């Protein structure tokens, strides 16, 4: 299965997503913001970056830009609950596979991750 980095500043949501993906057999690593996520990317190899867009320190857009430049083979999937943030992600075409809207259900996020990994 895949090794997935989850960057999300909301602790309960981050743990919820991690547990769901672990049930599918994936290995997960968690980061609380984009800077922490970027550090994890530099320390380990991942198959997928699953990141919230709106976070403190470094947002998911900046994280996606830096991650795609440094690791071109990395698959990136973003999450957001804000329409204007989703529009900002439109500039990442070719770097980001999709943007998942919050709130989402367990089947929604599991399917989005499966599709991203298959891309």
N, C-alpha and C. Protein backbone atom coordinates (compact mmCIF):
# COMPACT_ATOMS: atom_id res chain seq x y z
N UNK A 1 0.84 -1.19 0.00
CA UNK A 1 0.00 0.00 0.00
C UNK A 1 0.89 1.25 0.00
N UNK A 2 0.27 2.40 0.08
CA UNK A 2 0.99 3.66 -0.08
C UNK A 2 1.42 4.27 1.26
N UNK A 3 2.44 5.11 1.16
CA UNK A 3 2.87 5.91 2.31
C UNK A 3 2.36 7.33 2.06
N UNK A 4 1.52 7.82 2.97
CA UNK A 4 0.80 9.08 2.78
C UNK A 4 1.14 10.07 3.88
N UNK A 5 1.49 11.29 3.47
CA UNK A 5 1.70 12.39 4.41
C UNK A 5 0.42 13.21 4.47
N UNK A 6 -0.13 13.35 5.68
CA UNK A 6 -1.35 14.12 5.89
C UNK A 6 -0.98 15.40 6.62
N UNK A 7 -1.18 16.55 5.97
CA UNK A 7 -0.95 17.83 6.63
C UNK A 7 -2.29 18.52 6.82
N UNK A 8 -2.62 18.72 8.07
CA UNK A 8 -3.93 19.29 8.45
C UNK A 8 -3.76 19.89 9.84
N UNK A 9 -4.14 21.16 10.01
CA UNK A 9 -3.96 21.81 11.30
C UNK A 9 -5.01 21.44 12.33
N UNK A 10 -6.12 20.88 11.91
CA UNK A 10 -7.17 20.47 12.84
C UNK A 10 -6.87 19.03 13.30
N UNK A 11 -6.43 18.90 14.55
CA UNK A 11 -5.96 17.61 15.07
C UNK A 11 -6.97 16.48 14.89
N UNK A 12 -8.22 16.72 15.25
CA UNK A 12 -9.21 15.64 15.19
C UNK A 12 -9.45 15.18 13.75
N UNK A 13 -9.49 16.10 12.81
CA UNK A 13 -9.69 15.73 11.41
C UNK A 13 -8.47 14.98 10.88
N UNK A 14 -7.29 15.44 11.24
CA UNK A 14 -6.05 14.79 10.79
C UNK A 14 -6.02 13.34 11.28
N UNK A 15 -6.35 13.12 12.54
CA UNK A 15 -6.34 11.76 13.10
C UNK A 15 -7.44 10.90 12.47
N UNK A 16 -8.60 11.50 12.22
CA UNK A 16 -9.73 10.81 11.59
C UNK A 16 -9.33 10.29 10.20
N UNK A 17 -8.72 11.16 9.41
CA UNK A 17 -8.29 10.78 8.06
C UNK A 17 -7.19 9.73 8.13
N UNK A 18 -6.25 9.91 9.04
CA UNK A 18 -5.15 8.94 9.18
C UNK A 18 -5.70 7.55 9.52
N UNK A 19 -6.61 7.48 10.46
CA UNK A 19 -7.19 6.18 10.84
C UNK A 19 -7.92 5.54 9.67
N UNK A 20 -8.67 6.34 8.93
CA UNK A 20 -9.42 5.80 7.79
C UNK A 20 -8.48 5.22 6.75
N UNK A 21 -7.39 5.93 6.48
CA UNK A 21 -6.45 5.45 5.46
C UNK A 21 -5.65 4.26 5.96
N UNK A 22 -5.39 4.21 7.25
CA UNK A 22 -4.70 3.05 7.82
C UNK A 22 -5.57 1.80 7.72
N UNK A 23 -6.89 1.96 7.83
CA UNK A 23 -7.81 0.82 7.67
C UNK A 23 -7.72 0.25 6.26
N UNK A 24 -7.34 1.09 5.29
CA UNK A 24 -7.16 0.61 3.91
C UNK A 24 -5.77 0.04 3.70
N UNK A 25 -4.95 0.01 4.76
CA UNK A 25 -3.63 -0.58 4.66
C UNK A 25 -2.51 0.39 4.37
N UNK A 26 -2.82 1.67 4.31
CA UNK A 26 -1.79 2.67 4.02
C UNK A 26 -1.01 3.02 5.29
N UNK A 27 0.24 3.41 5.08
CA UNK A 27 1.05 3.94 6.18
C UNK A 27 0.89 5.45 6.15
N UNK A 28 0.65 6.07 7.29
CA UNK A 28 0.44 7.52 7.33
C UNK A 28 1.43 8.19 8.27
N UNK A 29 1.79 9.41 7.89
CA UNK A 29 2.59 10.30 8.73
C UNK A 29 1.79 11.59 8.80
N UNK A 30 1.74 12.20 9.98
CA UNK A 30 0.92 13.39 10.17
C UNK A 30 1.78 14.62 10.44
N UNK A 31 1.32 15.76 9.89
CA UNK A 31 1.96 17.05 10.13
C UNK A 31 0.86 18.07 10.40
N UNK A 32 1.13 19.02 11.32
CA UNK A 32 0.12 19.98 11.76
C UNK A 32 0.08 21.26 10.93
N UNK A 33 1.08 21.47 10.06
CA UNK A 33 1.06 22.65 9.18
C UNK A 33 1.99 22.39 8.00
N UNK A 34 1.99 23.31 7.06
CA UNK A 34 2.77 23.12 5.84
C UNK A 34 4.27 23.05 6.06
N UNK A 35 4.78 23.84 6.99
CA UNK A 35 6.23 23.82 7.26
C UNK A 35 6.64 22.46 7.83
N UNK A 36 5.82 21.94 8.74
CA UNK A 36 6.10 20.63 9.31
C UNK A 36 5.98 19.55 8.23
N UNK A 37 5.01 19.73 7.34
CA UNK A 37 4.84 18.80 6.23
C UNK A 37 6.03 18.81 5.28
N UNK A 38 6.53 20.00 4.97
CA UNK A 38 7.69 20.12 4.07
C UNK A 38 8.91 19.45 4.70
N UNK A 39 9.08 19.63 6.00
CA UNK A 39 10.20 18.97 6.70
C UNK A 39 10.07 17.45 6.61
N UNK A 40 8.86 16.93 6.78
CA UNK A 40 8.64 15.49 6.68
C UNK A 40 8.95 14.98 5.28
N UNK A 41 8.57 15.76 4.26
CA UNK A 41 8.86 15.37 2.88
C UNK A 41 10.36 15.28 2.61
N UNK A 42 11.12 16.12 3.28
CA UNK A 42 12.56 16.12 3.09
C UNK A 42 13.23 14.98 3.84
N UNK A 43 12.55 14.44 4.86
CA UNK A 43 13.11 13.36 5.67
C UNK A 43 12.74 11.97 5.18
N UNK A 44 11.59 11.84 4.52
CA UNK A 44 11.08 10.53 4.12
C UNK A 44 10.53 10.59 2.69
N UNK A 45 10.32 9.42 2.10
CA UNK A 45 9.73 9.32 0.77
C UNK A 45 8.25 8.96 0.91
N UNK A 46 7.41 9.70 0.20
CA UNK A 46 5.96 9.47 0.26
C UNK A 46 5.41 9.22 -1.15
N UNK A 47 4.29 8.51 -1.19
CA UNK A 47 3.58 8.28 -2.45
C UNK A 47 2.55 9.37 -2.71
N UNK A 48 2.01 9.94 -1.61
CA UNK A 48 0.94 10.93 -1.73
C UNK A 48 1.05 11.95 -0.61
N UNK A 49 0.82 13.20 -0.97
CA UNK A 49 0.67 14.29 -0.01
C UNK A 49 -0.80 14.66 0.00
N UNK A 50 -1.44 14.54 1.15
CA UNK A 50 -2.84 14.91 1.33
C UNK A 50 -2.83 16.09 2.30
N UNK A 51 -3.14 17.28 1.77
CA UNK A 51 -2.97 18.48 2.58
C UNK A 51 -4.18 19.39 2.55
N UNK A 52 -4.47 19.96 3.72
CA UNK A 52 -5.44 21.04 3.82
C UNK A 52 -4.84 22.26 3.10
N UNK A 53 -5.66 23.12 2.59
CA UNK A 53 -5.15 24.34 1.97
C UNK A 53 -4.92 25.41 3.01
N UNK A 54 -5.89 25.63 3.87
CA UNK A 54 -5.82 26.74 4.84
C UNK A 54 -5.20 26.25 6.14
N UNK A 55 -3.93 26.63 6.37
CA UNK A 55 -3.21 26.23 7.58
C UNK A 55 -2.29 27.38 7.99
N UNK A 56 -1.91 27.40 9.27
CA UNK A 56 -0.94 28.42 9.72
C UNK A 56 0.47 28.07 9.25
N UNK A 57 1.37 28.98 9.41
CA UNK A 57 2.80 28.86 9.10
C UNK A 57 3.03 28.81 7.60
N UNK A 58 2.59 27.75 6.94
CA UNK A 58 2.67 27.63 5.48
C UNK A 58 1.38 26.95 5.02
N UNK A 59 0.66 27.58 4.08
CA UNK A 59 -0.59 26.99 3.64
C UNK A 59 -0.34 25.85 2.65
N UNK A 60 -1.40 25.14 2.33
CA UNK A 60 -1.31 23.98 1.45
C UNK A 60 -0.93 24.32 0.02
N UNK A 61 -1.27 25.52 -0.44
CA UNK A 61 -0.89 25.93 -1.79
C UNK A 61 0.63 26.06 -1.88
N UNK A 62 1.22 26.76 -0.93
CA UNK A 62 2.68 26.91 -0.92
C UNK A 62 3.36 25.57 -0.73
N UNK A 63 2.81 24.74 0.14
CA UNK A 63 3.36 23.40 0.35
C UNK A 63 3.31 22.60 -0.95
N UNK A 64 2.18 22.65 -1.64
CA UNK A 64 2.04 21.91 -2.90
C UNK A 64 3.04 22.41 -3.95
N UNK A 65 3.22 23.72 -4.03
CA UNK A 65 4.18 24.27 -4.98
C UNK A 65 5.60 23.80 -4.68
N UNK A 66 6.01 23.92 -3.43
CA UNK A 66 7.36 23.50 -3.06
C UNK A 66 7.55 22.00 -3.19
N UNK A 67 6.54 21.23 -2.80
CA UNK A 67 6.62 19.77 -2.87
C UNK A 67 6.70 19.30 -4.32
N UNK A 68 5.88 19.90 -5.20
CA UNK A 68 5.90 19.46 -6.60
C UNK A 68 7.20 19.84 -7.29
N UNK A 69 7.80 20.96 -6.90
CA UNK A 69 9.10 21.34 -7.47
C UNK A 69 10.21 20.41 -6.99
N UNK A 70 10.21 20.09 -5.71
CA UNK A 70 11.27 19.26 -5.14
C UNK A 70 11.07 17.76 -5.42
N UNK A 71 9.81 17.34 -5.53
CA UNK A 71 9.50 15.92 -5.70
C UNK A 71 8.47 15.77 -6.83
N UNK A 72 8.89 15.88 -8.08
CA UNK A 72 7.95 15.89 -9.21
C UNK A 72 7.08 14.64 -9.33
N UNK A 73 7.52 13.52 -8.81
CA UNK A 73 6.74 12.28 -8.91
C UNK A 73 5.69 12.16 -7.80
N UNK A 74 5.75 13.04 -6.80
CA UNK A 74 4.81 12.98 -5.68
C UNK A 74 3.41 13.34 -6.14
N UNK A 75 2.45 12.52 -5.76
CA UNK A 75 1.04 12.81 -6.05
C UNK A 75 0.51 13.70 -4.94
N UNK A 76 -0.27 14.72 -5.31
CA UNK A 76 -0.75 15.70 -4.34
C UNK A 76 -2.27 15.82 -4.43
N UNK A 77 -2.91 15.73 -3.29
CA UNK A 77 -4.36 15.87 -3.16
C UNK A 77 -4.60 16.90 -2.07
N UNK A 78 -5.40 17.93 -2.37
CA UNK A 78 -5.68 18.98 -1.40
C UNK A 78 -7.10 18.87 -0.86
N UNK A 79 -7.31 19.44 0.34
CA UNK A 79 -8.62 19.47 0.98
C UNK A 79 -8.93 20.90 1.39
N UNK A 80 -10.19 21.30 1.27
CA UNK A 80 -10.56 22.63 1.76
C UNK A 80 -12.06 22.71 2.02
N UNK A 81 -12.40 23.57 2.94
CA UNK A 81 -13.80 23.85 3.23
C UNK A 81 -14.20 25.24 2.74
N UNK A 82 -13.30 25.90 2.01
CA UNK A 82 -13.53 27.27 1.59
C UNK A 82 -13.48 27.39 0.06
N UNK A 83 -14.55 27.91 -0.51
CA UNK A 83 -14.63 28.03 -1.97
C UNK A 83 -13.49 28.87 -2.54
N UNK A 84 -13.14 29.97 -1.87
CA UNK A 84 -12.08 30.82 -2.42
C UNK A 84 -10.72 30.12 -2.39
N UNK A 85 -10.53 29.22 -1.43
CA UNK A 85 -9.29 28.45 -1.38
C UNK A 85 -9.24 27.44 -2.53
N UNK A 86 -10.39 26.87 -2.83
CA UNK A 86 -10.47 25.91 -3.94
C UNK A 86 -10.10 26.62 -5.25
N UNK A 87 -10.56 27.85 -5.41
CA UNK A 87 -10.24 28.62 -6.62
C UNK A 87 -8.74 28.91 -6.70
N UNK A 88 -8.10 29.16 -5.58
CA UNK A 88 -6.64 29.38 -5.57
C UNK A 88 -5.91 28.14 -6.08
N UNK A 89 -6.46 26.97 -5.82
CA UNK A 89 -5.82 25.72 -6.24
C UNK A 89 -5.92 25.51 -7.74
N UNK A 90 -6.80 26.25 -8.42
CA UNK A 90 -6.91 26.12 -9.87
C UNK A 90 -5.59 26.44 -10.56
N UNK A 91 -4.76 27.25 -9.94
CA UNK A 91 -3.46 27.60 -10.52
C UNK A 91 -2.46 26.45 -10.43
N UNK A 92 -2.83 25.38 -9.76
CA UNK A 92 -1.92 24.25 -9.58
C UNK A 92 -2.21 23.10 -10.54
N UNK A 93 -2.96 23.38 -11.60
CA UNK A 93 -3.27 22.34 -12.57
C UNK A 93 -1.98 21.69 -13.05
N UNK A 94 -1.98 20.38 -13.05
CA UNK A 94 -0.79 19.63 -13.44
C UNK A 94 0.09 19.27 -12.26
N UNK A 95 -0.11 19.95 -11.14
CA UNK A 95 0.67 19.65 -9.93
C UNK A 95 -0.18 18.93 -8.89
N UNK A 96 -1.47 19.24 -8.88
CA UNK A 96 -2.39 18.67 -7.91
C UNK A 96 -3.42 17.81 -8.64
N UNK A 97 -3.67 16.63 -8.12
CA UNK A 97 -4.61 15.71 -8.77
C UNK A 97 -6.04 16.18 -8.59
N UNK A 98 -6.40 16.62 -7.37
CA UNK A 98 -7.78 17.05 -7.11
C UNK A 98 -7.81 17.86 -5.82
N UNK A 99 -8.95 18.53 -5.60
CA UNK A 99 -9.22 19.24 -4.35
C UNK A 99 -10.52 18.66 -3.80
N UNK A 100 -10.43 18.08 -2.61
CA UNK A 100 -11.58 17.47 -1.95
C UNK A 100 -12.25 18.52 -1.07
N UNK A 101 -13.55 18.67 -1.23
CA UNK A 101 -14.29 19.65 -0.43
C UNK A 101 -14.65 19.08 0.94
N UNK A 102 -14.46 19.92 1.96
CA UNK A 102 -14.89 19.58 3.32
C UNK A 102 -16.27 20.17 3.54
N UNK A 103 -17.09 19.58 4.35
CA UNK A 103 -16.85 18.32 5.03
C UNK A 103 -16.99 17.14 4.07
N UNK A 104 -16.29 16.07 4.36
CA UNK A 104 -16.38 14.87 3.54
C UNK A 104 -16.62 13.68 4.46
N UNK A 105 -17.10 12.60 3.87
CA UNK A 105 -17.32 11.36 4.61
C UNK A 105 -16.09 10.47 4.47
N UNK A 106 -16.02 9.45 5.29
CA UNK A 106 -14.93 8.49 5.17
C UNK A 106 -14.87 7.88 3.77
N UNK A 107 -16.01 7.41 3.22
CA UNK A 107 -15.93 6.87 1.86
C UNK A 107 -15.44 7.90 0.84
N UNK A 108 -15.81 9.17 1.02
CA UNK A 108 -15.36 10.22 0.10
C UNK A 108 -13.84 10.35 0.07
N UNK A 109 -13.23 10.44 1.25
CA UNK A 109 -11.78 10.66 1.31
C UNK A 109 -11.04 9.39 0.90
N UNK A 110 -11.56 8.24 1.27
CA UNK A 110 -10.91 6.99 0.86
C UNK A 110 -10.94 6.83 -0.66
N UNK A 111 -12.07 7.19 -1.26
CA UNK A 111 -12.17 7.10 -2.72
C UNK A 111 -11.24 8.10 -3.40
N UNK A 112 -11.21 9.33 -2.89
CA UNK A 112 -10.34 10.36 -3.46
C UNK A 112 -8.87 9.95 -3.41
N UNK A 113 -8.48 9.34 -2.29
CA UNK A 113 -7.09 8.87 -2.15
C UNK A 113 -6.83 7.72 -3.12
N UNK A 114 -7.75 6.80 -3.25
CA UNK A 114 -7.58 5.67 -4.17
C UNK A 114 -7.44 6.17 -5.60
N UNK A 115 -8.27 7.13 -5.99
CA UNK A 115 -8.21 7.68 -7.35
C UNK A 115 -6.87 8.41 -7.56
N UNK A 116 -6.44 9.19 -6.56
CA UNK A 116 -5.17 9.92 -6.66
C UNK A 116 -4.00 8.96 -6.80
N UNK A 117 -4.01 7.90 -6.03
CA UNK A 117 -2.91 6.93 -6.09
C UNK A 117 -2.89 6.17 -7.42
N UNK A 118 -4.06 6.00 -8.01
CA UNK A 118 -4.14 5.29 -9.29
C UNK A 118 -3.79 6.17 -10.48
N UNK A 119 -3.75 7.49 -10.26
CA UNK A 119 -3.50 8.45 -11.37
C UNK A 119 -2.06 8.35 -11.85
